[in-house]
Amino acid sequence: MDFPDHEAVRQLRMASGLHQVSRRSFLIASAFALATSADLLATRRLQAERSDPRILVLEDEAARQRFPLSSWVLFPGYKTSWEEGLWILNSLRPALTRRGQLAVAGYSNRGLDLAQLARVLQRHVEEQGLERLYFYGHSFGGMVAVEMAARLRAKGIGVELILMDSTPYSRFDVLDRTMFEGVVLSYEAGYQVPSVLRGGYELGERIVNKHERSWRTVIEQSMEQLSPLAVSSALIQSESAYIYHFEGRGFASQLGRTKLAWMGNPADKTVNYNTARRSWLVNFKEHFLTNELVTAGALPAHASPQWNPAVYQPLIETLEDTHFPLPSIGGLRRPV
């Protein structure tokens, strides 16, 4: 019986190996293509369903009865979905409903458009007959809240308070600027990042910063980015561009009698606590009530009321009682 020489055997094995690699690569590439296509389809569907901004009301009959003319409005932070905005609002409900009803701004999945959002909010205020507004700015939502207060005042609608939660004053307060600037550049170049890729990057970022989260939190937050309810990449990239180009000083003269308060955590790994806190105070000094509210013990340290309501609620209640006490009759406090 004749046996093939060693060279023939080597070539046969190489051909077999190439066949296997080729097949494996094809399957991997096909799976990736399907995932990307599915992600883009889901993004398009979400953009269609949430193409316009909305003011989402968190129903609370007791608050409506006590404060028919007053409302808090939450402006969600970076990458925060409509559902998570309602979750944040609900976690703060016991403190916030001591002064008003509850609502959250739902941004458009087509991108951040504050002119359109201002029109939607103005219509909500007029339809609900609201006369007193309090804004809660969650992370970058504090920037949005400041501009929205300026826009509403130009329409004759005043805002009593803007409470900012770990809000950066400018892009220079964002600690991870390398990634951040890359997102902005891709957006301004017209490139939309698929959510599945964004979710993978953010999973890695959360694992690197594991000391701020439990494994359960890491998984839950990462899965949110792959959920059908996740914020679109178009919105996230437009939010990045908004933060990148934001210049707060221009709004200081447009706020009228609106008061500001800033709270944060020195352990914050997302926003520079010291520079953000100081910059807001220096540039809005005439409007400031306090920047001494510290969310010590909160994990994650950056803007996390939904995870740490017991830390946040007492701070808000102290602010309300100190600077916005309810009028009283015969020694009894009553709502207005």
Protein backbone atom coordinates (compact mmCIF):
# COMPACT_ATOMS: atom_id res chain seq x y z
CA MET A 1 0.00 0.00 0.00
CA ASP A 2 1.36 3.41 -0.96
CA PHE A 3 1.29 6.26 1.57
CA PRO A 4 1.35 9.94 0.63
CA ASP A 5 4.59 11.76 1.33
CA HIS A 6 4.85 14.32 4.17
CA GLU A 7 4.40 17.32 1.88
CA ALA A 8 1.11 15.98 0.54
CA VAL A 9 -0.15 15.34 4.06
CA ARG A 10 0.79 18.88 5.10
CA GLN A 11 -1.07 20.40 2.17
CA LEU A 12 -4.17 18.33 2.83
CA ARG A 13 -4.20 19.45 6.46
CA MET A 14 -3.72 23.08 5.44
CA ALA A 15 -6.64 22.85 3.00
CA SER A 16 -8.81 21.31 5.70
CA GLY A 17 -7.83 24.06 8.14
CA LEU A 18 -8.56 26.79 5.62
CA HIS A 19 -11.98 25.27 5.03
CA GLN A 20 -12.76 25.31 8.74
CA VAL A 21 -11.51 28.87 9.28
CA SER A 22 -13.43 30.09 6.28
CA ARG A 23 -16.63 28.53 7.51
CA ARG A 24 -16.17 29.86 11.05
CA SER A 25 -15.37 33.35 9.79
CA PHE A 26 -18.41 33.27 7.53
CA LEU A 27 -20.68 32.31 10.42
CA ILE A 28 -19.23 34.98 12.69
CA ALA A 29 -19.50 37.64 10.00
CA SER A 30 -23.06 36.59 9.20
CA ALA A 31 -24.09 36.71 12.86
CA PHE A 32 -22.55 40.16 13.24
CA ALA A 33 -24.28 41.41 10.09
CA LEU A 34 -27.63 40.11 11.31
CA ALA A 35 -27.16 41.72 14.74
CA THR A 36 -26.20 45.03 13.17
CA SER A 37 -29.14 44.93 10.75
CA ALA A 38 -31.53 44.07 13.57
CA ASP A 39 -30.11 46.92 15.64
CA LEU A 40 -30.57 49.41 12.82
CA LEU A 41 -34.13 48.20 12.22
CA ALA A 42 -34.95 48.54 15.94
CA THR A 43 -33.43 52.01 15.96
CA ARG A 44 -35.57 53.06 13.00
CA ARG A 45 -38.69 51.69 14.69
CA LEU A 46 -37.93 53.56 17.90
CA GLN A 47 -37.25 56.74 15.99
CA ALA A 48 -40.63 56.40 14.30
CA GLU A 49 -42.45 55.73 17.58
CA ARG A 50 -40.63 58.48 19.50
CA SER A 51 -39.87 60.87 16.70
CA ASP A 52 -41.23 63.85 18.65
CA PRO A 53 -40.40 64.93 22.21
CA ARG A 54 -43.08 64.48 24.87
CA ILE A 55 -43.74 65.57 28.41
CA LEU A 56 -44.50 62.37 30.31
CA VAL A 57 -46.60 62.82 33.44
CA LEU A 58 -46.06 60.54 36.42
CA GLU A 59 -49.57 60.40 37.81
CA ASP A 60 -49.93 61.19 41.51
CA GLU A 61 -53.44 62.15 42.52
CA ALA A 62 -52.41 63.37 45.97
CA ALA A 63 -49.82 65.73 44.47
CA ARG A 64 -52.33 66.98 41.89
CA GLN A 65 -54.86 67.74 44.60
CA ARG A 66 -52.34 69.50 46.82
CA PHE A 67 -50.47 71.38 44.09
CA PRO A 68 -52.78 71.94 41.10
CA LEU A 69 -50.66 74.86 39.87
CA SER A 70 -47.15 73.52 40.51
CA SER A 71 -44.99 70.85 38.90
CA TRP A 72 -41.48 69.45 38.84
CA VAL A 73 -40.06 68.62 35.41
CA LEU A 74 -37.13 66.20 35.18
CA PHE A 75 -34.66 66.62 32.31
CA PRO A 76 -32.93 63.22 31.94
CA GLY A 77 -29.21 62.75 31.61
CA TYR A 78 -26.98 61.36 28.89
CA LYS A 79 -28.28 58.08 27.35
CA THR A 80 -31.34 58.06 29.64
CA SER A 81 -34.48 56.56 28.10
CA TRP A 82 -38.05 57.68 28.70
CA GLU A 83 -38.59 54.69 30.97
CA GLU A 84 -35.50 55.34 33.05
CA GLY A 85 -36.49 59.01 33.35
CA LEU A 86 -39.79 57.92 34.87
CA TRP A 87 -37.91 55.51 37.14
CA ILE A 88 -35.67 58.34 38.40
CA LEU A 89 -38.69 60.55 38.96
CA ASN A 90 -40.53 57.81 40.83
CA SER A 91 -37.51 57.19 43.08
CA LEU A 92 -37.64 60.85 44.12
CA ARG A 93 -41.42 60.99 44.38
CA PRO A 94 -41.67 61.30 48.22
CA ALA A 95 -39.42 64.38 48.20
CA LEU A 96 -40.56 66.08 45.00
CA THR A 97 -44.30 65.73 45.62
CA ARG A 98 -43.87 67.91 48.70
CA ARG A 99 -43.90 70.86 46.30
CA GLY A 100 -45.56 69.82 43.06
CA GLN A 101 -46.77 67.32 40.53
CA LEU A 102 -44.32 65.24 38.51
CA ALA A 103 -43.32 65.14 34.83
CA VAL A 104 -40.31 64.16 32.77
CA ALA A 105 -39.09 65.40 29.39
CA GLY A 106 -38.84 62.61 26.81
CA TYR A 107 -36.32 63.58 24.15
CA SER A 108 -36.87 62.79 20.49
CA ASN A 109 -35.04 59.75 19.11
CA ARG A 110 -34.31 61.76 15.99
CA GLY A 111 -31.95 63.92 18.04
CA LEU A 112 -31.90 66.61 20.70
CA ASP A 113 -33.99 69.58 19.51
CA LEU A 114 -34.53 72.08 22.32
CA ALA A 115 -36.59 74.51 20.24
CA GLN A 116 -39.12 71.75 19.62
CA LEU A 117 -38.94 70.56 23.23
CA ALA A 118 -39.59 74.11 24.46
CA ARG A 119 -42.75 74.30 22.36
CA VAL A 120 -43.95 70.97 23.73
CA LEU A 121 -43.23 72.03 27.31
CA GLN A 122 -44.93 75.41 26.83
CA ARG A 123 -48.04 73.65 25.53
CA HIS A 124 -47.99 71.31 28.55
CA VAL A 125 -47.73 74.24 30.97
CA GLU A 126 -50.61 76.06 29.30
CA GLU A 127 -52.86 73.00 29.03
CA GLN A 128 -52.29 72.06 32.68
CA GLY A 129 -52.68 75.63 33.91
CA LEU A 130 -49.33 75.51 35.72
CA GLU A 131 -48.04 78.66 37.39
CA ARG A 132 -45.02 77.37 39.29
CA LEU A 133 -42.24 75.20 37.81
CA TYR A 134 -39.29 73.43 39.40
CA PHE A 135 -36.68 71.80 37.15
CA TYR A 136 -34.52 68.80 38.05
CA GLY A 137 -31.48 68.45 35.81
CA HIS A 138 -30.12 64.90 35.91
CA SER A 139 -26.45 64.98 34.86
CA PHE A 140 -26.23 66.74 31.46
CA GLY A 141 -29.97 67.35 31.85
CA GLY A 142 -28.99 70.29 34.04
CA MET A 143 -27.55 71.98 30.96
CA VAL A 144 -30.82 71.35 29.15
CA ALA A 145 -32.81 72.66 32.13
CA VAL A 146 -30.88 75.95 32.12
CA GLU A 147 -31.48 76.53 28.42
CA MET A 148 -35.14 75.49 28.71
CA ALA A 149 -35.68 77.93 31.59
CA ALA A 150 -34.20 80.72 29.43
CA ARG A 151 -36.40 79.75 26.48
CA LEU A 152 -39.56 79.61 28.62
CA ARG A 153 -38.85 82.95 30.25
CA ALA A 154 -38.68 84.50 26.77
CA LYS A 155 -42.27 83.24 26.39
CA GLY A 156 -43.35 84.75 29.72
CA ILE A 157 -43.11 81.51 31.76
CA GLY A 158 -40.91 81.66 34.84
CA VAL A 159 -39.07 78.80 36.57
CA GLU A 160 -38.65 78.90 40.35
CA LEU A 161 -35.69 76.53 40.71
CA ILE A 162 -33.22 74.46 38.72
CA LEU A 163 -31.76 71.68 40.84
CA MET A 164 -28.72 70.23 39.06
CA ASP A 165 -27.49 66.72 39.87
CA SER A 166 -23.78 66.30 39.00
CA THR A 167 -24.18 68.56 35.96
CA PRO A 168 -20.99 69.50 34.06
CA TYR A 169 -20.57 73.16 33.22
CA SER A 170 -18.73 72.39 29.98
CA ARG A 171 -17.07 69.55 28.10
CA PHE A 172 -13.90 70.20 30.10
CA ASP A 173 -15.63 68.79 33.19
CA VAL A 174 -16.18 65.41 31.46
CA LEU A 175 -13.43 63.06 32.63
CA ASP A 176 -13.47 60.56 29.72
CA ARG A 177 -13.03 63.15 26.98
CA THR A 178 -11.24 60.87 24.50
CA MET A 179 -14.25 58.61 23.96
CA PHE A 180 -16.61 61.57 24.24
CA GLU A 181 -14.87 63.60 21.54
CA GLY A 182 -14.84 60.57 19.24
CA VAL A 183 -18.62 60.28 19.51
CA VAL A 184 -19.01 63.97 18.65
CA LEU A 185 -16.69 63.77 15.66
CA SER A 186 -18.50 60.72 14.27
CA TYR A 187 -21.85 62.48 14.70
CA GLU A 188 -20.72 65.67 13.00
CA ALA A 189 -19.25 63.56 10.18
CA GLY A 190 -22.70 62.02 9.65
CA TYR A 191 -21.92 58.54 11.00
CA GLN A 192 -24.45 56.80 13.26
CA VAL A 193 -22.99 54.22 15.66
CA PRO A 194 -25.11 51.01 15.88
CA SER A 195 -26.50 50.48 19.38
CA VAL A 196 -25.08 46.94 19.60
CA LEU A 197 -21.55 48.32 19.26
CA ARG A 198 -22.27 51.08 21.75
CA GLY A 199 -23.64 48.54 24.21
CA GLY A 200 -20.46 46.44 23.95
CA TYR A 201 -18.24 49.44 24.59
CA GLU A 202 -20.28 50.52 27.59
CA LEU A 203 -20.21 47.02 29.06
CA GLY A 204 -16.41 47.22 29.00
CA GLU A 205 -16.45 50.67 30.57
CA ARG A 206 -18.69 49.49 33.40
CA ILE A 207 -16.48 46.47 34.10
CA VAL A 208 -13.41 48.74 34.28
CA ASN A 209 -15.29 50.87 36.84
CA LYS A 210 -16.66 47.83 38.66
CA HIS A 211 -15.89 49.41 42.07
CA GLU A 212 -18.87 51.73 41.53
CA ARG A 213 -21.41 49.00 40.77
CA SER A 214 -22.54 45.51 41.66
CA TRP A 215 -22.40 42.86 38.92
CA ARG A 216 -26.18 42.97 38.78
CA THR A 217 -26.08 46.71 38.11
CA VAL A 218 -23.41 46.24 35.42
CA ILE A 219 -25.56 43.67 33.60
CA GLU A 220 -28.82 45.64 33.97
CA GLN A 221 -27.33 48.91 32.75
CA SER A 222 -25.61 47.23 29.80
CA MET A 223 -28.75 45.34 28.76
CA GLU A 224 -30.66 48.64 28.75
CA GLN A 225 -28.51 49.72 25.81
CA LEU A 226 -29.59 46.63 23.83
CA SER A 227 -33.25 46.82 24.86
CA PRO A 228 -35.87 47.75 22.24
CA LEU A 229 -36.60 50.71 24.55
CA ALA A 230 -33.01 51.97 24.49
CA VAL A 231 -32.23 55.52 23.44
CA SER A 232 -31.27 55.76 19.77
CA SER A 233 -27.68 56.37 18.72
CA ALA A 234 -28.84 59.51 16.91
CA LEU A 235 -30.07 60.98 20.19
CA ILE A 236 -26.95 59.96 22.12
CA GLN A 237 -24.63 61.43 19.52
CA SER A 238 -26.62 64.68 19.42
CA GLU A 239 -26.51 64.83 23.23
CA SER A 240 -22.73 64.43 23.03
CA ALA A 241 -22.50 67.29 20.56
CA TYR A 242 -24.71 69.45 22.78
CA ILE A 243 -22.45 68.90 25.80
CA TYR A 244 -19.36 69.46 23.66
CA HIS A 245 -20.52 72.87 22.42
CA PHE A 246 -22.44 74.05 25.52
CA GLU A 247 -21.55 77.46 26.89
CA GLY A 248 -23.59 78.21 30.00
CA ARG A 249 -22.47 81.79 30.56
CA GLY A 250 -24.71 83.07 27.79
CA PHE A 251 -27.84 82.01 29.70
CA ALA A 252 -26.95 83.73 32.99
CA SER A 253 -28.62 86.99 32.00
CA GLN A 254 -31.72 85.23 30.63
CA LEU A 255 -32.96 83.45 33.75
CA GLY A 256 -34.64 86.36 35.53
CA ARG A 257 -35.45 85.32 39.12
CA THR A 258 -34.79 81.61 38.62
CA LYS A 259 -32.68 80.10 41.42
CA LEU A 260 -30.05 77.39 41.03
CA ALA A 261 -28.78 74.65 43.31
CA TRP A 262 -26.04 72.14 42.48
CA MET A 263 -25.37 68.79 44.14
CA GLY A 264 -22.77 66.16 43.47
CA ASN A 265 -20.29 63.68 44.84
CA PRO A 266 -16.52 64.19 45.26
CA ALA A 267 -16.04 60.53 44.28
CA ASP A 268 -17.66 61.11 40.87
CA LYS A 269 -15.68 59.35 38.11
CA THR A 270 -17.73 60.79 35.23
CA VAL A 271 -17.79 64.54 35.91
CA ASN A 272 -15.09 66.53 37.71
CA TYR A 273 -16.86 67.45 40.94
CA ASN A 274 -14.61 70.39 41.82
CA THR A 275 -14.44 72.18 38.47
CA ALA A 276 -18.13 71.70 37.61
CA ARG A 277 -19.30 72.85 41.06
CA ARG A 278 -17.07 75.93 40.99
CA SER A 279 -17.81 76.91 37.39
CA TRP A 280 -21.57 76.96 37.84
CA LEU A 281 -21.26 79.07 40.99
CA VAL A 282 -18.83 81.57 39.45
CA ASN A 283 -20.86 82.10 36.27
CA PHE A 284 -24.34 82.06 37.87
CA LYS A 285 -23.49 83.61 41.23
CA GLU A 286 -26.54 85.88 41.35
CA HIS A 287 -28.87 82.90 40.89
CA PHE A 288 -27.26 80.43 43.28
CA LEU A 289 -28.87 79.19 46.48
CA THR A 290 -26.28 76.52 47.30
CA ASN A 291 -23.68 74.17 45.88
CA GLU A 292 -23.11 72.43 49.22
CA LEU A 293 -25.44 69.45 48.67
CA VAL A 294 -23.27 66.32 48.69
CA THR A 295 -24.55 62.87 47.69
CA ALA A 296 -21.99 61.10 49.87
CA GLY A 297 -22.32 57.32 49.91
CA ALA A 298 -24.17 57.05 46.60
CA LEU A 299 -23.05 54.25 44.25
CA PRO A 300 -22.51 54.88 41.43
CA ALA A 301 -21.26 58.26 42.58
CA HIS A 302 -22.45 60.10 39.47
CA ALA A 303 -26.11 61.21 39.26
CA SER A 304 -27.76 58.05 40.60
CA PRO A 305 -30.99 58.88 42.45
CA GLN A 306 -32.69 55.78 41.02
CA TRP A 307 -30.13 53.60 42.81
CA ASN A 308 -29.79 55.74 45.95
CA PRO A 309 -33.13 57.38 46.83
CA ALA A 310 -32.30 57.35 50.55
CA VAL A 311 -29.29 59.57 49.85
CA TYR A 312 -31.06 62.01 47.56
CA GLN A 313 -34.47 62.49 49.16
CA PRO A 314 -33.27 64.14 52.41
CA LEU A 315 -31.12 66.60 50.45
CA ILE A 316 -34.07 67.65 48.29
CA GLU A 317 -36.37 67.98 51.30
CA THR A 318 -33.82 70.17 53.08
CA LEU A 319 -33.51 72.40 50.02
CA GLU A 320 -37.31 72.71 49.75
CA ASP A 321 -37.83 73.50 53.43
CA THR A 322 -34.95 75.98 53.59
CA HIS A 323 -35.51 77.94 50.40
CA PHE A 324 -39.11 77.17 49.35
CA PRO A 325 -41.11 76.87 52.58
CA LEU A 326 -44.85 76.42 52.23
CA PRO A 327 -46.91 79.40 53.33
CA SER A 328 -48.80 78.83 56.56
CA ILE A 329 -52.12 79.84 58.06
CA GLY A 330 -52.52 79.72 61.81
CA GLY A 331 -49.18 77.91 62.15
CA LEU A 332 -50.18 75.12 59.74
CA ARG A 333 -48.36 74.63 56.46
CA ARG A 334 -50.53 74.49 53.39
CA PRO A 335 -49.85 74.01 49.67
CA VAL A 336 -50.39 76.81 47.18
